[in-house]
PDB file of N, CA and C in Angstrom:
ATOM      1  N   MET A   1     110.990  90.582  93.454  1.00  0.00           N
ATOM      2  CA  MET A   1     111.870  91.494  94.131  1.00  0.00           C
ATOM      3  C   MET A   1     112.409  90.821  95.387  1.00  0.00           C
ATOM      4  N   ALA A   2     113.699  90.819  95.555  1.00  0.00           N
ATOM      5  CA  ALA A   2     114.319  90.187  96.708  1.00  0.00           C
ATOM      6  C   ALA A   2     114.228  91.096  97.921  1.00  0.00           C
ATOM      7  N   LYS A   3     114.002  90.482  99.074  1.00  0.00           N
ATOM      8  CA  LYS A   3     113.952  91.262 100.305  1.00  0.00           C
ATOM      9  C   LYS A   3     115.364  91.360 100.867  1.00  0.00           C
ATOM     10  N   VAL A   4     115.733  92.558 101.244  1.00  0.00           N
ATOM     11  CA  VAL A   4     117.057  92.800 101.796  1.00  0.00           C
ATOM     12  C   VAL A   4     116.906  93.067 103.280  1.00  0.00           C
ATOM     13  N   LYS A   5     117.688  92.361 104.074  1.00  0.00           N
ATOM     14  CA  LYS A   5     117.645  92.566 105.511  1.00  0.00           C
ATOM     15  C   LYS A   5     118.551  93.740 105.856  1.00  0.00           C
ATOM     16  N   SER A   6     118.011  94.686 106.563  1.00  0.00           N
ATOM     17  CA  SER A   6     118.756  95.886 106.918  1.00  0.00           C
ATOM     18  C   SER A   6     119.171  95.823 108.380  1.00  0.00           C
ATOM     19  N   GLU A   7     120.319  96.413 108.671  1.00  0.00           N
ATOM     20  CA  GLU A   7     120.742  96.485 110.065  1.00  0.00           C
ATOM     21  C   GLU A   7     119.917  97.524 110.815  1.00  0.00           C
ATOM     22  N   ASN A   8     119.344  98.470 110.095  1.00  0.00           N
ATOM     23  CA  ASN A   8     118.495  99.502 110.682  1.00  0.00           C
ATOM     24  C   ASN A   8     117.112  99.403 110.055  1.00  0.00           C
ATOM     25  N   PRO A   9     116.310  98.443 110.494  1.00  0.00           N
ATOM     26  CA  PRO A   9     114.995  98.260 109.877  1.00  0.00           C
ATOM     27  C   PRO A   9     114.098  99.464 110.118  1.00  0.00           C
ATOM     28  N   LEU A  10     113.203  99.701 109.175  1.00  0.00           N
ATOM     29  CA  LEU A  10     112.263 100.809 109.310  1.00  0.00           C
ATOM     30  C   LEU A  10     111.047 100.346 110.094  1.00  0.00           C
ATOM     31  N   THR A  11     111.066 100.621 111.375  1.00  0.00           N
ATOM     32  CA  THR A  11     109.910 100.334 112.222  1.00  0.00           C
ATOM     33  C   THR A  11     108.921 101.486 112.064  1.00  0.00           C
ATOM     34  N   ILE A  12     107.740 101.333 112.618  1.00  0.00           N
ATOM     35  CA  ILE A  12     106.732 102.383 112.498  1.00  0.00           C
ATOM     36  C   ILE A  12     107.229 103.695 113.114  1.00  0.00           C
ATOM     37  N   GLY A  13     107.976 103.606 114.197  1.00  0.00           N
ATOM     38  CA  GLY A  13     108.518 104.808 114.828  1.00  0.00           C
ATOM     39  C   GLY A  13     109.521 105.530 113.945  1.00  0.00           C
ATOM     40  N   ARG A  14     110.392 104.776 113.301  1.00  0.00           N
ATOM     41  CA  ARG A  14     111.386 105.387 112.406  1.00  0.00           C
ATOM     42  C   ARG A  14     110.721 105.991 111.184  1.00  0.00           C
ATOM     43  N   VAL A  15     109.722 105.290 110.627  1.00  0.00           N
ATOM     44  CA  VAL A  15     108.995 105.829 109.476  1.00  0.00           C
ATOM     45  C   VAL A  15     108.329 107.143 109.868  1.00  0.00           C
ATOM     46  N   ALA A  16     107.704 107.166 111.035  1.00  0.00           N
ATOM     47  CA  ALA A  16     107.025 108.374 111.501  1.00  0.00           C
ATOM     48  C   ALA A  16     108.013 109.528 111.680  1.00  0.00           C
ATOM     49  N   ARG A  17     109.147 109.266 112.312  1.00  0.00           N
ATOM     50  CA  ARG A  17     110.149 110.320 112.515  1.00  0.00           C
ATOM     51  C   ARG A  17     110.665 110.853 111.186  1.00  0.00           C
ATOM     52  N   GLN A  18     110.963 109.949 110.255  1.00  0.00           N
ATOM     53  CA  GLN A  18     111.486 110.380 108.959  1.00  0.00           C
ATOM     54  C   GLN A  18     110.448 111.166 108.167  1.00  0.00           C
ATOM     55  N   ALA A  19     109.172 110.858 108.365  1.00  0.00           N
ATOM     56  CA  ALA A  19     108.102 111.566 107.657  1.00  0.00           C
ATOM     57  C   ALA A  19     107.678 112.840 108.389  1.00  0.00           C
ATOM     58  N   GLY A  20     108.136 113.009 109.623  1.00  0.00           N
ATOM     59  CA  GLY A  20     107.783 114.196 110.393  1.00  0.00           C
ATOM     60  C   GLY A  20     106.364 114.163 110.943  1.00  0.00           C
ATOM     61  N   VAL A  21     105.863 112.947 111.191  1.00  0.00           N
ATOM     62  CA  VAL A  21     104.520 112.779 111.748  1.00  0.00           C
ATOM     63  C   VAL A  21     104.626 111.862 112.960  1.00  0.00           C
ATOM     64  N   ASN A  22     103.510 111.654 113.662  1.00  0.00           N
ATOM     65  CA  ASN A  22     103.561 110.730 114.793  1.00  0.00           C
ATOM     66  C   ASN A  22     103.074 109.339 114.363  1.00  0.00           C
ATOM     67  N   VAL A  23     103.258 108.377 115.234  1.00  0.00           N
ATOM     68  CA  VAL A  23     102.917 106.985 114.945  1.00  0.00           C
ATOM     69  C   VAL A  23     101.428 106.828 114.650  1.00  0.00           C
ATOM     70  N   GLU A  24     100.603 107.573 115.369  1.00  0.00           N
ATOM     71  CA  GLU A  24      99.157 107.484 115.143  1.00  0.00           C
ATOM     72  C   GLU A  24      98.793 107.891 113.717  1.00  0.00           C
ATOM     73  N   THR A  25      99.520 108.846 113.154  1.00  0.00           N
ATOM     74  CA  THR A  25      99.272 109.268 111.774  1.00  0.00           C
ATOM     75  C   THR A  25      99.597 108.136 110.807  1.00  0.00           C
ATOM     76  N   ILE A  26     100.700 107.438 111.043  1.00  0.00           N
ATOM     77  CA  ILE A  26     101.062 106.299 110.190  1.00  0.00           C
ATOM     78  C   ILE A  26      99.972 105.239 110.272  1.00  0.00           C
ATOM     79  N   ARG A  27      99.484 104.943 111.468  1.00  0.00           N
ATOM     80  CA  ARG A  27      98.413 103.944 111.623  1.00  0.00           C
ATOM     81  C   ARG A  27      97.134 104.396 110.923  1.00  0.00           C
ATOM     82  N   TYR A  28      96.829 105.686 110.992  1.00  0.00           N
ATOM     83  CA  TYR A  28      95.662 106.233 110.299  1.00  0.00           C
ATOM     84  C   TYR A  28      95.814 106.033 108.790  1.00  0.00           C
ATOM     85  N   TYR A  29      96.990 106.332 108.268  1.00  0.00           N
ATOM     86  CA  TYR A  29      97.246 106.140 106.834  1.00  0.00           C
ATOM     87  C   TYR A  29      97.077 104.669 106.449  1.00  0.00           C
ATOM     88  N   GLN A  30      97.499 103.766 107.317  1.00  0.00           N
ATOM     89  CA  GLN A  30      97.335 102.340 107.042  1.00  0.00           C
ATOM     90  C   GLN A  30      95.859 101.974 106.981  1.00  0.00           C
ATOM     91  N   LYS A  31      95.069 102.478 107.923  1.00  0.00           N
ATOM     92  CA  LYS A  31      93.633 102.176 107.932  1.00  0.00           C
ATOM     93  C   LYS A  31      92.938 102.721 106.695  1.00  0.00           C
ATOM     94  N   ARG A  32      93.415 103.849 106.195  1.00  0.00           N
ATOM     95  CA  ARG A  32      92.829 104.463 105.000  1.00  0.00           C
ATOM     96  C   ARG A  32      93.344 103.822 103.709  1.00  0.00           C
ATOM     97  N   GLY A  33      94.329 102.931 103.819  1.00  0.00           N
ATOM     98  CA  GLY A  33      94.867 102.257 102.648  1.00  0.00           C
ATOM     99  C   GLY A  33      95.936 103.042 101.912  1.00  0.00           C
ATOM    100  N   LEU A  34      96.453 104.107 102.532  1.00  0.00           N
ATOM    101  CA  LEU A  34      97.482 104.923 101.896  1.00  0.00           C
ATOM    102  C   LEU A  34      98.872 104.316 102.046  1.00  0.00           C
ATOM    103  N   ILE A  35      99.055 103.570 103.116  1.00  0.00           N
ATOM    104  CA  ILE A  35     100.315 102.869 103.370  1.00  0.00           C
ATOM    105  C   ILE A  35      99.964 101.419 103.653  1.00  0.00           C
ATOM    106  N   GLN A  36     100.681 100.518 103.006  1.00  0.00           N
ATOM    107  CA  GLN A  36     100.433  99.099 103.242  1.00  0.00           C
ATOM    108  C   GLN A  36     101.054  98.694 104.573  1.00  0.00           C
ATOM    109  N   GLU A  37     100.272  98.011 105.389  1.00  0.00           N
ATOM    110  CA  GLU A  37     100.780  97.541 106.675  1.00  0.00           C
ATOM    111  C   GLU A  37     101.636  96.307 106.445  1.00  0.00           C
ATOM    112  N   PRO A  38     102.878  96.317 106.944  1.00  0.00           N
ATOM    113  CA  PRO A  38     103.730  95.144 106.763  1.00  0.00           C
ATOM    114  C   PRO A  38     103.225  93.972 107.600  1.00  0.00           C
ATOM    115  N   SER A  39     103.508  92.770 107.139  1.00  0.00           N
ATOM    116  CA  SER A  39     103.095  91.595 107.902  1.00  0.00           C
ATOM    117  C   SER A  39     103.936  91.503 109.169  1.00  0.00           C
ATOM    118  N   LYS A  40     103.347  90.915 110.190  1.00  0.00           N
ATOM    119  CA  LYS A  40     104.048  90.784 111.466  1.00  0.00           C
ATOM    120  C   LYS A  40     104.769  89.442 111.492  1.00  0.00           C
ATOM    121  N   PRO A  41     106.075  89.476 111.703  1.00  0.00           N
ATOM    122  CA  PRO A  41     106.810  88.213 111.808  1.00  0.00           C
ATOM    123  C   PRO A  41     106.445  87.494 113.106  1.00  0.00           C
ATOM    124  N   VAL A  42     106.754  86.220 113.164  1.00  0.00           N
ATOM    125  CA  VAL A  42     106.453  85.438 114.362  1.00  0.00           C
ATOM    126  C   VAL A  42     107.117  86.068 115.584  1.00  0.00           C
ATOM    127  N   LEU A  43     108.365  86.418 115.447  1.00  0.00           N
ATOM    128  CA  LEU A  43     109.099  87.092 116.521  1.00  0.00           C
ATOM    129  C   LEU A  43     109.672  88.390 115.970  1.00  0.00           C
ATOM    130  N   GLY A  44     109.488  89.455 116.674  1.00  0.00           N
ATOM    131  CA  GLY A  44     110.081  90.713 116.232  1.00  0.00           C
ATOM    132  C   GLY A  44     109.064  91.769 115.879  1.00  0.00           C
ATOM    133  N   TYR A  45     109.549  92.804 115.219  1.00  0.00           N
ATOM    134  CA  TYR A  45     108.743  93.965 114.874  1.00  0.00           C
ATOM    135  C   TYR A  45     108.381  93.954 113.399  1.00  0.00           C
ATOM    136  N   ARG A  46     107.270  94.604 113.079  1.00  0.00           N
ATOM    137  CA  ARG A  46     106.922  94.814 111.676  1.00  0.00           C
ATOM    138  C   ARG A  46     107.918  95.816 111.112  1.00  0.00           C
ATOM    139  N   CYS A  47     108.427  95.538 109.936  1.00  0.00           N
ATOM    140  CA  CYS A  47     109.390  96.441 109.310  1.00  0.00           C
ATOM    141  C   CYS A  47     108.887  96.852 107.942  1.00  0.00           C
ATOM    142  N   TYR A  48     109.041  98.123 107.643  1.00  0.00           N
ATOM    143  CA  TYR A  48     108.592  98.681 106.377  1.00  0.00           C
ATOM    144  C   TYR A  48     109.704  98.568 105.348  1.00  0.00           C
ATOM    145  N   PRO A  49     109.311  98.340 104.096  1.00  0.00           N
ATOM    146  CA  PRO A  49     110.337  98.213 103.041  1.00  0.00           C
ATOM    147  C   PRO A  49     111.013  99.531 102.737  1.00  0.00           C
TER     148      PRO A  49
END
């Protein structure tokens, strides 16, 4: 699957807003294995697919 670069990347804050939850909830889901944590690039923010 090819990765597409978006002009509006889905950061953890945007994912949380779109899901109607707070950032801590997204992090909790990641710790529980419900959401895969994106890898952190050398420079920049983690972006969700």
